[in-house]
PDB file of N, CA and C in Angstrom:
ATOM      1  N   MET A   1      26.843  -7.141   9.136  1.00  0.00           N
ATOM      2  CA  MET A   1      25.519  -6.456   9.059  1.00  0.00           C
ATOM      3  C   MET A   1      24.478  -7.439   9.441  1.00  0.00           C
ATOM      4  N   GLU A   2      23.490  -7.026  10.063  1.00  0.00           N
ATOM      5  CA  GLU A   2      22.353  -7.755  10.657  1.00  0.00           C
ATOM      6  C   GLU A   2      21.600  -8.401   9.333  1.00  0.00           C
ATOM      7  N   ASN A   3      21.105  -9.429   9.519  1.00  0.00           N
ATOM      8  CA  ASN A   3      20.332 -10.461   8.455  1.00  0.00           C
ATOM      9  C   ASN A   3      18.957  -9.572   8.454  1.00  0.00           C
ATOM     10  N   VAL A   4      18.704  -8.877   7.204  1.00  0.00           N
ATOM     11  CA  VAL A   4      17.551  -8.229   7.046  1.00  0.00           C
ATOM     12  C   VAL A   4      16.454  -9.094   6.521  1.00  0.00           C
ATOM     13  N   ASP A   5      15.290  -9.009   7.090  1.00  0.00           N
ATOM     14  CA  ASP A   5      14.154  -9.730   6.707  1.00  0.00           C
ATOM     15  C   ASP A   5      13.697  -9.265   5.328  1.00  0.00           C
ATOM     16  N   GLY A   6      13.343 -10.204   4.464  1.00  0.00           N
ATOM     17  CA  GLY A   6      12.813  -9.973   3.090  1.00  0.00           C
ATOM     18  C   GLY A   6      11.563  -9.181   3.122  1.00  0.00           C
ATOM     19  N   ARG A   7      10.931  -8.955   4.230  1.00  0.00           N
ATOM     20  CA  ARG A   7       9.619  -8.303   4.361  1.00  0.00           C
ATOM     21  C   ARG A   7       9.913  -6.879   3.992  1.00  0.00           C
ATOM     22  N   TYR A   8      10.955  -6.371   4.329  1.00  0.00           N
ATOM     23  CA  TYR A   8      11.279  -4.862   4.134  1.00  0.00           C
ATOM     24  C   TYR A   8      11.482  -4.718   2.550  1.00  0.00           C
ATOM     25  N   ALA A   9      12.073  -5.626   1.883  1.00  0.00           N
ATOM     26  CA  ALA A   9      12.345  -5.666   0.552  1.00  0.00           C
ATOM     27  C   ALA A   9      10.970  -5.593  -0.178  1.00  0.00           C
ATOM     28  N   ASN A  10      10.015  -6.476   0.313  1.00  0.00           N
ATOM     29  CA  ASN A  10       8.711  -6.503  -0.235  1.00  0.00           C
ATOM     30  C   ASN A  10       7.955  -5.253  -0.140  1.00  0.00           C
ATOM     31  N   MET A  11       8.123  -4.528   0.937  1.00  0.00           N
ATOM     32  CA  MET A  11       7.437  -3.233   1.086  1.00  0.00           C
ATOM     33  C   MET A  11       8.030  -2.334   0.242  1.00  0.00           C
ATOM     34  N   MET A  12       9.296  -2.273   0.027  1.00  0.00           N
ATOM     35  CA  MET A  12      10.021  -1.235  -0.898  1.00  0.00           C
ATOM     36  C   MET A  12       9.540  -1.551  -2.260  1.00  0.00           C
ATOM     37  N   LYS A  13       9.557  -2.744  -2.641  1.00  0.00           N
ATOM     38  CA  LYS A  13       9.187  -3.162  -4.043  1.00  0.00           C
ATOM     39  C   LYS A  13       7.834  -2.724  -4.264  1.00  0.00           C
ATOM     40  N   ALA A  14       6.903  -2.931  -3.271  1.00  0.00           N
ATOM     41  CA  ALA A  14       5.525  -2.396  -3.573  1.00  0.00           C
ATOM     42  C   ALA A  14       5.448  -0.899  -3.762  1.00  0.00           C
ATOM     43  N   LEU A  15       6.388  -0.201  -3.019  1.00  0.00           N
ATOM     44  CA  LEU A  15       6.274   1.261  -3.303  1.00  0.00           C
ATOM     45  C   LEU A  15       7.253   1.716  -4.507  1.00  0.00           C
ATOM     46  N   GLY A  16       7.735   0.701  -5.320  1.00  0.00           N
ATOM     47  CA  GLY A  16       8.550   1.090  -6.352  1.00  0.00           C
ATOM     48  C   GLY A  16       7.888   1.329  -7.658  1.00  0.00           C
ATOM     49  N   ASP A  17       6.655   1.657  -7.710  1.00  0.00           N
ATOM     50  CA  ASP A  17       5.766   1.858  -8.958  1.00  0.00           C
ATOM     51  C   ASP A  17       5.015   3.160  -8.693  1.00  0.00           C
ATOM     52  N   GLU A  18       4.920   4.010  -9.705  1.00  0.00           N
ATOM     53  CA  GLU A  18       4.344   5.463  -9.682  1.00  0.00           C
ATOM     54  C   GLU A  18       2.884   5.283  -9.278  1.00  0.00           C
ATOM     55  N   ALA A  19       2.252   4.367  -9.966  1.00  0.00           N
ATOM     56  CA  ALA A  19       0.732   4.141  -9.535  1.00  0.00           C
ATOM     57  C   ALA A  19       0.509   3.830  -8.135  1.00  0.00           C
ATOM     58  N   ARG A  20       1.409   2.920  -7.625  1.00  0.00           N
ATOM     59  CA  ARG A  20       1.338   2.423  -6.170  1.00  0.00           C
ATOM     60  C   ARG A  20       1.749   3.614  -5.238  1.00  0.00           C
ATOM     61  N   ILE A  21       2.670   4.545  -5.574  1.00  0.00           N
ATOM     62  CA  ILE A  21       2.915   5.623  -4.786  1.00  0.00           C
ATOM     63  C   ILE A  21       1.677   6.510  -4.757  1.00  0.00           C
ATOM     64  N   LYS A  22       1.125   6.779  -5.818  1.00  0.00           N
ATOM     65  CA  LYS A  22      -0.113   7.749  -5.659  1.00  0.00           C
ATOM     66  C   LYS A  22      -1.274   7.005  -4.868  1.00  0.00           C
ATOM     67  N   ILE A  23      -1.396   5.776  -4.968  1.00  0.00           N
ATOM     68  CA  ILE A  23      -2.426   5.087  -4.224  1.00  0.00           C
ATOM     69  C   ILE A  23      -1.980   5.177  -2.675  1.00  0.00           C
ATOM     70  N   PHE A  24      -0.753   5.056  -2.428  1.00  0.00           N
ATOM     71  CA  PHE A  24      -0.139   5.083  -1.143  1.00  0.00           C
ATOM     72  C   PHE A  24      -0.465   6.538  -0.571  1.00  0.00           C
ATOM     73  N   VAL A  25      -0.189   7.527  -1.242  1.00  0.00           N
ATOM     74  CA  VAL A  25      -0.397   8.986  -0.795  1.00  0.00           C
ATOM     75  C   VAL A  25      -1.878   9.226  -0.567  1.00  0.00           C
ATOM     76  N   MET A  26      -2.768   8.762  -1.421  1.00  0.00           N
ATOM     77  CA  MET A  26      -4.078   8.793  -1.299  1.00  0.00           C
ATOM     78  C   MET A  26      -4.533   8.323   0.026  1.00  0.00           C
ATOM     79  N   LEU A  27      -4.107   7.090   0.279  1.00  0.00           N
ATOM     80  CA  LEU A  27      -4.462   6.350   1.465  1.00  0.00           C
ATOM     81  C   LEU A  27      -3.834   6.971   2.789  1.00  0.00           C
ATOM     82  N   SER A  28      -2.789   7.778   2.668  1.00  0.00           N
ATOM     83  CA  SER A  28      -2.203   8.420   3.818  1.00  0.00           C
ATOM     84  C   SER A  28      -3.176   9.433   4.355  1.00  0.00           C
ATOM     85  N   LYS A  29      -4.209   9.879   3.572  1.00  0.00           N
ATOM     86  CA  LYS A  29      -5.128  10.797   4.083  1.00  0.00           C
ATOM     87  C   LYS A  29      -6.454  10.229   4.691  1.00  0.00           C
ATOM     88  N   GLY A  30      -6.387   8.792   4.672  1.00  0.00           N
ATOM     89  CA  GLY A  30      -7.447   8.090   5.413  1.00  0.00           C
ATOM     90  C   GLY A  30      -8.117   6.842   4.463  1.00  0.00           C
ATOM     91  N   GLU A  31      -8.870   6.118   4.856  1.00  0.00           N
ATOM     92  CA  GLU A  31      -9.516   5.085   4.216  1.00  0.00           C
ATOM     93  C   GLU A  31     -10.212   5.544   2.982  1.00  0.00           C
ATOM     94  N   GLU A  32     -10.037   4.828   1.899  1.00  0.00           N
ATOM     95  CA  GLU A  32     -10.641   5.112   0.509  1.00  0.00           C
ATOM     96  C   GLU A  32     -11.373   3.944   0.018  1.00  0.00           C
ATOM     97  N   CYS A  33     -12.451   4.299  -0.767  1.00  0.00           N
ATOM     98  CA  CYS A  33     -13.097   3.165  -1.485  1.00  0.00           C
ATOM     99  C   CYS A  33     -12.411   3.053  -2.787  1.00  0.00           C
ATOM    100  N   ALA A  34     -12.410   1.847  -3.248  1.00  0.00           N
ATOM    101  CA  ALA A  34     -11.759   1.379  -4.603  1.00  0.00           C
ATOM    102  C   ALA A  34     -12.414   2.390  -5.716  1.00  0.00           C
ATOM    103  N   CYS A  35     -13.637   2.551  -5.541  1.00  0.00           N
ATOM    104  CA  CYS A  35     -14.299   3.417  -6.589  1.00  0.00           C
ATOM    105  C   CYS A  35     -13.591   4.819  -6.676  1.00  0.00           C
ATOM    106  N   LYS A  36     -13.440   5.355  -5.594  1.00  0.00           N
ATOM    107  CA  LYS A  36     -12.535   6.697  -5.529  1.00  0.00           C
ATOM    108  C   LYS A  36     -11.116   6.675  -6.116  1.00  0.00           C
ATOM    109  N   LEU A  37     -10.513   5.498  -5.780  1.00  0.00           N
ATOM    110  CA  LEU A  37      -9.204   5.326  -6.230  1.00  0.00           C
ATOM    111  C   LEU A  37      -9.136   5.205  -7.766  1.00  0.00           C
ATOM    112  N   LEU A  38     -10.271   4.514  -8.213  1.00  0.00           N
ATOM    113  CA  LEU A  38     -10.316   4.268  -9.702  1.00  0.00           C
ATOM    114  C   LEU A  38     -10.659   5.703 -10.466  1.00  0.00           C
ATOM    115  N   ASP A  39     -11.492   6.470  -9.784  1.00  0.00           N
ATOM    116  CA  ASP A  39     -11.719   7.832 -10.257  1.00  0.00           C
ATOM    117  C   ASP A  39     -10.569   8.689 -10.403  1.00  0.00           C
ATOM    118  N   GLU A  40      -9.748   8.750  -9.307  1.00  0.00           N
ATOM    119  CA  GLU A  40      -8.740   9.769  -9.185  1.00  0.00           C
ATOM    120  C   GLU A  40      -7.458   9.101 -10.147  1.00  0.00           C
ATOM    121  N   LEU A  41      -7.388   7.958 -10.244  1.00  0.00           N
ATOM    122  CA  LEU A  41      -6.120   7.397 -10.923  1.00  0.00           C
ATOM    123  C   LEU A  41      -6.398   7.214 -12.527  1.00  0.00           C
ATOM    124  N   SER A  42      -7.664   7.167 -12.790  1.00  0.00           N
ATOM    125  CA  SER A  42      -8.097   6.912 -14.313  1.00  0.00           C
ATOM    126  C   SER A  42      -7.508   5.645 -14.740  1.00  0.00           C
ATOM    127  N   ILE A  43      -7.585   4.504 -14.082  1.00  0.00           N
ATOM    128  CA  ILE A  43      -7.169   3.228 -14.493  1.00  0.00           C
ATOM    129  C   ILE A  43      -8.282   2.143 -14.374  1.00  0.00           C
ATOM    130  N   THR A  44      -8.102   1.159 -14.935  1.00  0.00           N
ATOM    131  CA  THR A  44      -9.269   0.265 -15.005  1.00  0.00           C
ATOM    132  C   THR A  44      -9.278  -0.611 -13.725  1.00  0.00           C
ATOM    133  N   GLN A  45     -10.431  -1.275 -13.505  1.00  0.00           N
ATOM    134  CA  GLN A  45     -10.539  -2.085 -12.259  1.00  0.00           C
ATOM    135  C   GLN A  45      -9.562  -3.123 -12.217  1.00  0.00           C
ATOM    136  N   PRO A  46      -9.402  -3.922 -13.275  1.00  0.00           N
ATOM    137  CA  PRO A  46      -8.313  -4.951 -12.945  1.00  0.00           C
ATOM    138  C   PRO A  46      -6.915  -4.483 -12.816  1.00  0.00           C
ATOM    139  N   THR A  47      -6.494  -3.191 -13.369  1.00  0.00           N
ATOM    140  CA  THR A  47      -5.297  -2.625 -13.017  1.00  0.00           C
ATOM    141  C   THR A  47      -5.207  -2.405 -11.594  1.00  0.00           C
ATOM    142  N   LEU A  48      -6.332  -1.735 -10.994  1.00  0.00           N
ATOM    143  CA  LEU A  48      -6.199  -1.385  -9.586  1.00  0.00           C
ATOM    144  C   LEU A  48      -6.333  -2.538  -8.722  1.00  0.00           C
ATOM    145  N   SER A  49      -6.892  -3.583  -9.159  1.00  0.00           N
ATOM    146  CA  SER A  49      -6.868  -4.883  -8.308  1.00  0.00           C
ATOM    147  C   SER A  49      -5.588  -5.384  -8.245  1.00  0.00           C
ATOM    148  N   TYR A  50      -4.737  -5.242  -9.413  1.00  0.00           N
ATOM    149  CA  TYR A  50      -3.439  -5.771  -9.469  1.00  0.00           C
ATOM    150  C   TYR A  50      -2.435  -5.083  -8.513  1.00  0.00           C
ATOM    151  N   HIS A  51      -2.632  -3.784  -8.584  1.00  0.00           N
ATOM    152  CA  HIS A  51      -1.828  -2.775  -7.620  1.00  0.00           C
ATOM    153  C   HIS A  51      -2.225  -3.048  -6.198  1.00  0.00           C
ATOM    154  N   MET A  52      -3.468  -3.233  -5.932  1.00  0.00           N
ATOM    155  CA  MET A  52      -3.799  -3.333  -4.448  1.00  0.00           C
ATOM    156  C   MET A  52      -3.438  -4.717  -3.944  1.00  0.00           C
ATOM    157  N   LYS A  53      -3.365  -5.717  -4.686  1.00  0.00           N
ATOM    158  CA  LYS A  53      -2.929  -7.006  -4.233  1.00  0.00           C
ATOM    159  C   LYS A  53      -1.393  -6.884  -3.851  1.00  0.00           C
ATOM    160  N   ILE A  54      -0.682  -6.157  -4.738  1.00  0.00           N
ATOM    161  CA  ILE A  54       0.752  -5.962  -4.217  1.00  0.00           C
ATOM    162  C   ILE A  54       0.891  -5.238  -3.100  1.00  0.00           C
ATOM    163  N   LEU A  55       0.184  -4.110  -3.016  1.00  0.00           N
ATOM    164  CA  LEU A  55       0.311  -3.318  -1.777  1.00  0.00           C
ATOM    165  C   LEU A  55      -0.215  -4.121  -0.414  1.00  0.00           C
ATOM    166  N   CYS A  56      -1.424  -4.854  -0.644  1.00  0.00           N
ATOM    167  CA  CYS A  56      -1.857  -5.610   0.606  1.00  0.00           C
ATOM    168  C   CYS A  56      -0.855  -6.754   0.857  1.00  0.00           C
ATOM    169  N   ASP A  57      -0.328  -7.400  -0.176  1.00  0.00           N
ATOM    170  CA  ASP A  57       0.639  -8.508   0.183  1.00  0.00           C
ATOM    171  C   ASP A  57       1.897  -8.065   0.815  1.00  0.00           C
ATOM    172  N   SER A  58       2.239  -6.848   0.523  1.00  0.00           N
ATOM    173  CA  SER A  58       3.416  -6.253   1.281  1.00  0.00           C
ATOM    174  C   SER A  58       3.213  -5.962   2.722  1.00  0.00           C
ATOM    175  N   GLY A  59       1.912  -5.966   3.168  1.00  0.00           N
ATOM    176  CA  GLY A  59       1.436  -5.671   4.434  1.00  0.00           C
ATOM    177  C   GLY A  59       1.339  -4.197   4.788  1.00  0.00           C
ATOM    178  N   LEU A  60       1.579  -3.305   3.888  1.00  0.00           N
ATOM    179  CA  LEU A  60       1.435  -1.875   3.978  1.00  0.00           C
ATOM    180  C   LEU A  60      -0.068  -1.447   3.976  1.00  0.00           C
ATOM    181  N   VAL A  61      -0.844  -2.169   3.291  1.00  0.00           N
ATOM    182  CA  VAL A  61      -2.315  -1.798   3.158  1.00  0.00           C
ATOM    183  C   VAL A  61      -3.163  -3.039   3.536  1.00  0.00           C
ATOM    184  N   GLU A  62      -4.319  -2.668   3.947  1.00  0.00           N
ATOM    185  CA  GLU A  62      -5.288  -3.702   4.211  1.00  0.00           C
ATOM    186  C   GLU A  62      -6.601  -3.271   3.556  1.00  0.00           C
ATOM    187  N   GLY A  63      -7.303  -4.299   3.228  1.00  0.00           N
ATOM    188  CA  GLY A  63      -8.722  -3.972   2.540  1.00  0.00           C
ATOM    189  C   GLY A  63      -9.821  -4.490   3.317  1.00  0.00           C
ATOM    190  N   ARG A  64     -11.041  -3.922   3.144  1.00  0.00           N
ATOM    191  CA  ARG A  64     -12.286  -4.695   3.901  1.00  0.00           C
ATOM    192  C   ARG A  64     -13.335  -4.542   2.746  1.00  0.00           C
ATOM    193  N   ARG A  65     -14.183  -5.430   2.842  1.00  0.00           N
ATOM    194  CA  ARG A  65     -15.368  -5.331   2.023  1.00  0.00           C
ATOM    195  C   ARG A  65     -16.424  -4.448   2.572  1.00  0.00           C
ATOM    196  N   ASP A  66     -17.119  -3.607   1.717  1.00  0.00           N
ATOM    197  CA  ASP A  66     -18.193  -2.742   2.119  1.00  0.00           C
ATOM    198  C   ASP A  66     -19.237  -2.848   0.929  1.00  0.00           C
ATOM    199  N   GLY A  67     -20.162  -3.734   1.231  1.00  0.00           N
ATOM    200  CA  GLY A  67     -21.127  -4.004   0.066  1.00  0.00           C
ATOM    201  C   GLY A  67     -20.381  -4.483  -1.140  1.00  0.00           C
ATOM    202  N   LYS A  68     -20.628  -3.937  -2.291  1.00  0.00           N
ATOM    203  CA  LYS A  68     -19.951  -4.459  -3.418  1.00  0.00           C
ATOM    204  C   LYS A  68     -18.556  -3.878  -3.677  1.00  0.00           C
ATOM    205  N   TRP A  69     -18.121  -2.857  -2.851  1.00  0.00           N
ATOM    206  CA  TRP A  69     -16.806  -2.265  -2.862  1.00  0.00           C
ATOM    207  C   TRP A  69     -15.799  -2.656  -1.903  1.00  0.00           C
ATOM    208  N   MET A  70     -14.597  -2.449  -2.298  1.00  0.00           N
ATOM    209  CA  MET A  70     -13.690  -2.671  -1.148  1.00  0.00           C
ATOM    210  C   MET A  70     -13.167  -1.309  -0.712  1.00  0.00           C
ATOM    211  N   ARG A  71     -12.894  -1.190   0.576  1.00  0.00           N
ATOM    212  CA  ARG A  71     -12.191   0.081   1.093  1.00  0.00           C
ATOM    213  C   ARG A  71     -10.836  -0.289   1.698  1.00  0.00           C
ATOM    214  N   TYR A  72      -9.930   0.571   1.247  1.00  0.00           N
ATOM    215  CA  TYR A  72      -8.505   0.231   1.735  1.00  0.00           C
ATOM    216  C   TYR A  72      -8.003   1.391   2.630  1.00  0.00           C
ATOM    217  N   SER A  73      -7.069   0.968   3.404  1.00  0.00           N
ATOM    218  CA  SER A  73      -6.426   1.805   4.468  1.00  0.00           C
ATOM    219  C   SER A  73      -4.993   1.344   4.621  1.00  0.00           C
ATOM    220  N   LEU A  74      -4.118   2.246   5.039  1.00  0.00           N
ATOM    221  CA  LEU A  74      -2.770   1.891   5.500  1.00  0.00           C
ATOM    222  C   LEU A  74      -2.716   1.208   6.901  1.00  0.00           C
ATOM    223  N   LYS A  75      -1.793   0.348   6.950  1.00  0.00           N
ATOM    224  CA  LYS A  75      -1.610  -0.295   8.150  1.00  0.00           C
ATOM    225  C   LYS A  75      -0.537   0.635   8.870  1.00  0.00           C
ATOM    226  N   ALA A  76      -1.000   1.260   9.847  1.00  0.00           N
ATOM    227  CA  ALA A  76      -0.202   2.291  10.637  1.00  0.00           C
ATOM    228  C   ALA A  76       1.040   1.451  11.205  1.00  0.00           C
ATOM    229  N   GLU A  77       0.926   0.496  11.829  1.00  0.00           N
ATOM    230  CA  GLU A  77       1.859  -0.098  12.617  1.00  0.00           C
ATOM    231  C   GLU A  77       2.924  -0.817  11.743  1.00  0.00           C
ATOM    232  N   VAL A  78       2.645  -1.288  10.490  1.00  0.00           N
ATOM    233  CA  VAL A  78       3.528  -1.758   9.611  1.00  0.00           C
ATOM    234  C   VAL A  78       4.263  -0.621   9.004  1.00  0.00           C
ATOM    235  N   LEU A  79       3.745   0.561   8.731  1.00  0.00           N
ATOM    236  CA  LEU A  79       4.323   1.674   8.221  1.00  0.00           C
ATOM    237  C   LEU A  79       5.326   2.192   9.127  1.00  0.00           C
ATOM    238  N   ALA A  80       4.925   2.288  10.447  1.00  0.00           N
ATOM    239  CA  ALA A  80       5.820   2.692  11.537  1.00  0.00           C
ATOM    240  C   ALA A  80       7.035   1.681  11.654  1.00  0.00           C
ATOM    241  N   GLU A  81       6.856   0.460  11.510  1.00  0.00           N
ATOM    242  CA  GLU A  81       7.899  -0.512  11.540  1.00  0.00           C
ATOM    243  C   GLU A  81       8.989  -0.244  10.368  1.00  0.00           C
ATOM    244  N   LEU A  82       8.427   0.032   9.135  1.00  0.00           N
ATOM    245  CA  LEU A  82       9.341   0.306   8.068  1.00  0.00           C
ATOM    246  C   LEU A  82      10.062   1.585   8.194  1.00  0.00           C
ATOM    247  N   ILE A  83       9.275   2.684   8.699  1.00  0.00           N
ATOM    248  CA  ILE A  83      10.044   3.914   9.030  1.00  0.00           C
ATOM    249  C   ILE A  83      11.098   3.723  10.002  1.00  0.00           C
ATOM    250  N   GLY A  84      10.838   2.860  11.111  1.00  0.00           N
ATOM    251  CA  GLY A  84      11.893   2.635  12.045  1.00  0.00           C
ATOM    252  C   GLY A  84      13.123   1.991  11.437  1.00  0.00           C
ATOM    253  N   PHE A  85      12.867   0.966  10.567  1.00  0.00           N
ATOM    254  CA  PHE A  85      14.049   0.210   9.905  1.00  0.00           C
ATOM    255  C   PHE A  85      14.840   1.272   9.032  1.00  0.00           C
ATOM    256  N   LEU A  86      14.119   2.022   8.350  1.00  0.00           N
ATOM    257  CA  LEU A  86      14.749   3.105   7.489  1.00  0.00           C
ATOM    258  C   LEU A  86      15.559   4.057   8.315  1.00  0.00           C
ATOM    259  N   SER A  87      14.871   4.453   9.430  1.00  0.00           N
ATOM    260  CA  SER A  87      15.579   5.416  10.318  1.00  0.00           C
ATOM    261  C   SER A  87      16.990   4.773  10.963  1.00  0.00           C
ATOM    262  N   GLY A  88      16.878   3.551  11.189  1.00  0.00           N
ATOM    263  CA  GLY A  88      18.114   3.015  11.770  1.00  0.00           C
ATOM    264  C   GLY A  88      19.164   2.733  10.855  1.00  0.00           C
ATOM    265  N   ILE A  89      19.096   2.993   9.664  1.00  0.00           N
ATOM    266  CA  ILE A  89      20.251   2.860   8.648  1.00  0.00           C
ATOM    267  C   ILE A  89      21.043   3.981   8.591  1.00  0.00           C
ATOM    268  N   GLN A  90      22.415   3.852   8.763  1.00  0.00           N
ATOM    269  CA  GLN A  90      23.190   5.089   8.744  1.00  0.00           C
ATOM    270  C   GLN A  90      24.409   4.735   7.848  1.00  0.00           C
TER     271      GLN A  90
END
C-alpha cells in the first residue's frame, strides 16, 4: 500500500466533529462571516475560534480579516484533492 500523507488524516480528523461538520456544510454554500456562523450554531466565540483553527490548520478552510470580523471559505482545491484521494480507495 502506498504511504499515505498524514495530511489526509488531519483533514478527516477536522471533519470528525459534529459542530465542524455543520460549519463545513454552511461554508459549502459560500463564504461566511464568523458572526453568521456564531448565530447559526449558537456557540460562543471562543468555541467557534477553536473549531475554525482546526478547520484552517487542516487546510480545508481559509479565513480572511474583514474589519473586526473574520470571513471563512472552503479551499476548493484542497477539498478536490481530498475527494480524489477518497475516490481512489477501493
